[in-house]
Amino acid sequence: MQKLRNNDTFTDYDPNYNYEDDNAEAVIYFITPKGKTSKPNLFVMKRYEAIKFCSRKETKGTKWALCFSTHKRNWKNELKNFRKDDGRFNELLEELGIEPIYRKLD
């Protein structure tokens, strides 16, 4: 699977923000093997939670995978880029003890 650069889609870089901090907000998004995304964002959670979540086999399919970026700091202004949560990851989120900061429910 092709890996996107972590800054491919962010436009509001802040040199004073620690993007690698465990508590940085991470946007979880879908990506295809060719690096394509379409209304890709699914959740927002803490970076340390995103690392645990996205490393699980349940977040990888044959035609997609879930990745994360802490560089999408303007996510609150782009809620249209989030897809509705269909609940397919509820059991995994519960198992990992993760309550997303944001998920689109309707």
C-alpha atoms as a PDB file:
ATOM      1  CA  MET A   1       0.000   0.000   0.000  1.00  0.00           C
ATOM      2  CA  GLN A   2       1.362   3.406  -0.953  1.00  0.00           C
ATOM      3  CA  LYS A   3       2.045   5.659   2.001  1.00  0.00           C
ATOM      4  CA  LEU A   4       0.936   9.276   1.811  1.00  0.00           C
ATOM      5  CA  ARG A   5       3.241  11.895   3.185  1.00  0.00           C
ATOM      6  CA  ASN A   6       1.850  13.063   6.514  1.00  0.00           C
ATOM      7  CA  ASN A   7       1.447  16.626   5.224  1.00  0.00           C
ATOM      8  CA  ASP A   8      -0.265  15.982   1.883  1.00  0.00           C
ATOM      9  CA  THR A   9      -3.552  17.643   2.804  1.00  0.00           C
ATOM     10  CA  PHE A  10      -2.860  20.146   5.543  1.00  0.00           C
ATOM     11  CA  THR A  11      -2.740  23.869   4.930  1.00  0.00           C
ATOM     12  CA  ASP A  12      -2.382  25.413   8.371  1.00  0.00           C
ATOM     13  CA  TYR A  13       1.075  24.346   9.542  1.00  0.00           C
ATOM     14  CA  ASP A  14       1.921  25.757  12.965  1.00  0.00           C
ATOM     15  CA  PRO A  15       5.628  25.563  13.867  1.00  0.00           C
ATOM     16  CA  ASN A  16       4.711  25.881  17.566  1.00  0.00           C
ATOM     17  CA  TYR A  17       2.390  22.852  17.579  1.00  0.00           C
ATOM     18  CA  ASN A  18       3.797  19.441  18.502  1.00  0.00           C
ATOM     19  CA  TYR A  19       2.315  17.192  15.806  1.00  0.00           C
ATOM     20  CA  GLU A  20       4.046  14.154  17.324  1.00  0.00           C
ATOM     21  CA  ASP A  21       2.622  14.619  20.826  1.00  0.00           C
ATOM     22  CA  ASP A  22       0.649  11.621  22.097  1.00  0.00           C
ATOM     23  CA  ASN A  23      -2.359  13.875  22.720  1.00  0.00           C
ATOM     24  CA  ALA A  24      -2.309  15.633  19.339  1.00  0.00           C
ATOM     25  CA  GLU A  25      -5.622  15.293  17.509  1.00  0.00           C
ATOM     26  CA  ALA A  26      -5.333  12.663  14.778  1.00  0.00           C
ATOM     27  CA  VAL A  27      -7.788  12.392  11.900  1.00  0.00           C
ATOM     28  CA  ILE A  28      -8.445   8.773  10.899  1.00  0.00           C
ATOM     29  CA  TYR A  29      -9.083   8.414   7.170  1.00  0.00           C
ATOM     30  CA  PHE A  30      -9.585   5.805   4.455  1.00  0.00           C
ATOM     31  CA  ILE A  31      -6.992   5.329   1.736  1.00  0.00           C
ATOM     32  CA  THR A  32      -6.815   2.964  -1.259  1.00  0.00           C
ATOM     33  CA  PRO A  33      -3.670   1.068  -2.303  1.00  0.00           C
ATOM     34  CA  LYS A  34      -3.026   3.765  -4.942  1.00  0.00           C
ATOM     35  CA  GLY A  35      -3.236   6.545  -2.352  1.00  0.00           C
ATOM     36  CA  LYS A  36      -6.691   7.798  -3.333  1.00  0.00           C
ATOM     37  CA  THR A  37      -9.180   9.188  -0.858  1.00  0.00           C
ATOM     38  CA  SER A  38     -12.817  10.229  -1.308  1.00  0.00           C
ATOM     39  CA  LYS A  39     -14.750  11.724   1.600  1.00  0.00           C
ATOM     40  CA  PRO A  40     -12.183   9.799   3.557  1.00  0.00           C
ATOM     41  CA  ASN A  41     -12.317  11.009   7.147  1.00  0.00           C
ATOM     42  CA  LEU A  42     -13.952   8.741   9.701  1.00  0.00           C
ATOM     43  CA  PHE A  43     -12.851   9.657  13.240  1.00  0.00           C
ATOM     44  CA  VAL A  44     -10.763  12.093  15.235  1.00  0.00           C
ATOM     45  CA  MET A  45      -8.921  10.694  18.247  1.00  0.00           C
ATOM     46  CA  LYS A  46      -5.713  11.227  20.191  1.00  0.00           C
ATOM     47  CA  ARG A  47      -2.499  10.314  18.344  1.00  0.00           C
ATOM     48  CA  TYR A  48      -1.583   7.543  20.800  1.00  0.00           C
ATOM     49  CA  GLU A  49      -5.045   6.015  20.256  1.00  0.00           C
ATOM     50  CA  ALA A  50      -4.726   6.351  16.475  1.00  0.00           C
ATOM     51  CA  ILE A  51      -1.448   4.419  16.538  1.00  0.00           C
ATOM     52  CA  LYS A  52      -3.129   1.516  18.381  1.00  0.00           C
ATOM     53  CA  PHE A  53      -6.276   1.648  16.240  1.00  0.00           C
ATOM     54  CA  CYS A  54      -4.648   1.894  12.790  1.00  0.00           C
ATOM     55  CA  SER A  55      -2.137  -0.855  13.536  1.00  0.00           C
ATOM     56  CA  ARG A  56      -4.852  -3.490  13.976  1.00  0.00           C
ATOM     57  CA  LYS A  57      -5.688  -5.957  11.198  1.00  0.00           C
ATOM     58  CA  GLU A  58      -9.358  -4.979  11.485  1.00  0.00           C
ATOM     59  CA  THR A  59      -8.498  -1.556  10.029  1.00  0.00           C
ATOM     60  CA  LYS A  60      -7.023  -3.010   6.845  1.00  0.00           C
ATOM     61  CA  GLY A  61      -9.029  -4.332   3.919  1.00  0.00           C
ATOM     62  CA  THR A  62      -8.042  -5.579   0.483  1.00  0.00           C
ATOM     63  CA  LYS A  63      -9.113  -2.343  -1.224  1.00  0.00           C
ATOM     64  CA  TRP A  64      -8.616   0.154   1.607  1.00  0.00           C
ATOM     65  CA  ALA A  65      -6.867   0.844   4.892  1.00  0.00           C
ATOM     66  CA  LEU A  66      -7.245   3.328   7.701  1.00  0.00           C
ATOM     67  CA  CYS A  67      -4.406   5.761   8.292  1.00  0.00           C
ATOM     68  CA  PHE A  68      -4.075   8.871  10.423  1.00  0.00           C
ATOM     69  CA  SER A  69      -2.628  12.344  10.281  1.00  0.00           C
ATOM     70  CA  THR A  70      -2.076  14.929  12.991  1.00  0.00           C
ATOM     71  CA  HIS A  71      -1.572  17.579  10.315  1.00  0.00           C
ATOM     72  CA  LYS A  72      -5.287  17.979   9.518  1.00  0.00           C
ATOM     73  CA  ARG A  73      -5.720  20.534  12.270  1.00  0.00           C
ATOM     74  CA  ASN A  74      -8.504  22.328  10.397  1.00  0.00           C
ATOM     75  CA  TRP A  75     -10.792  19.264  10.540  1.00  0.00           C
ATOM     76  CA  LYS A  76     -13.487  21.193  12.441  1.00  0.00           C
ATOM     77  CA  ASN A  77     -13.851  23.488   9.434  1.00  0.00           C
ATOM     78  CA  GLU A  78     -14.142  20.573   7.005  1.00  0.00           C
ATOM     79  CA  LEU A  79     -16.797  18.317   8.541  1.00  0.00           C
ATOM     80  CA  LYS A  80     -18.146  17.715   5.019  1.00  0.00           C
ATOM     81  CA  ASN A  81     -15.060  15.529   4.490  1.00  0.00           C
ATOM     82  CA  PHE A  82     -16.233  13.039   7.113  1.00  0.00           C
ATOM     83  CA  ARG A  83     -18.263   9.999   6.181  1.00  0.00           C
ATOM     84  CA  LYS A  84     -21.080   8.737   8.377  1.00  0.00           C
ATOM     85  CA  ASP A  85     -19.908   6.193  10.937  1.00  0.00           C
ATOM     86  CA  ASP A  86     -21.654   2.923  10.066  1.00  0.00           C
ATOM     87  CA  GLY A  87     -20.577   1.250  13.316  1.00  0.00           C
ATOM     88  CA  ARG A  88     -18.260  -1.355  11.774  1.00  0.00           C
ATOM     89  CA  PHE A  89     -15.426  -0.418  14.154  1.00  0.00           C
ATOM     90  CA  ASN A  90     -17.508  -0.132  17.347  1.00  0.00           C
ATOM     91  CA  GLU A  91     -16.274  -3.433  18.823  1.00  0.00           C
ATOM     92  CA  LEU A  92     -12.637  -2.566  18.122  1.00  0.00           C
ATOM     93  CA  LEU A  93     -13.017   0.925  19.597  1.00  0.00           C
ATOM     94  CA  GLU A  94     -14.604  -0.581  22.698  1.00  0.00           C
ATOM     95  CA  GLU A  95     -11.897  -3.258  22.987  1.00  0.00           C
ATOM     96  CA  LEU A  96      -9.179  -0.588  22.788  1.00  0.00           C
ATOM     97  CA  GLY A  97     -11.036   1.761  25.167  1.00  0.00           C
ATOM     98  CA  ILE A  98     -11.191   4.549  22.595  1.00  0.00           C
ATOM     99  CA  GLU A  99     -13.957   7.139  22.514  1.00  0.00           C
ATOM    100  CA  PRO A 100     -13.376   9.244  19.387  1.00  0.00           C
ATOM    101  CA  ILE A 101     -13.210  13.004  19.800  1.00  0.00           C
ATOM    102  CA  TYR A 102     -15.415  13.241  16.716  1.00  0.00           C
ATOM    103  CA  ARG A 103     -17.434  10.865  14.562  1.00  0.00           C
ATOM    104  CA  LYS A 104     -20.256  11.748  12.187  1.00  0.00           C
ATOM    105  CA  LEU A 105     -23.344   9.949  13.407  1.00  0.00           C
ATOM    106  CA  ASP A 106     -25.971  11.332  11.007  1.00  0.00           C
END
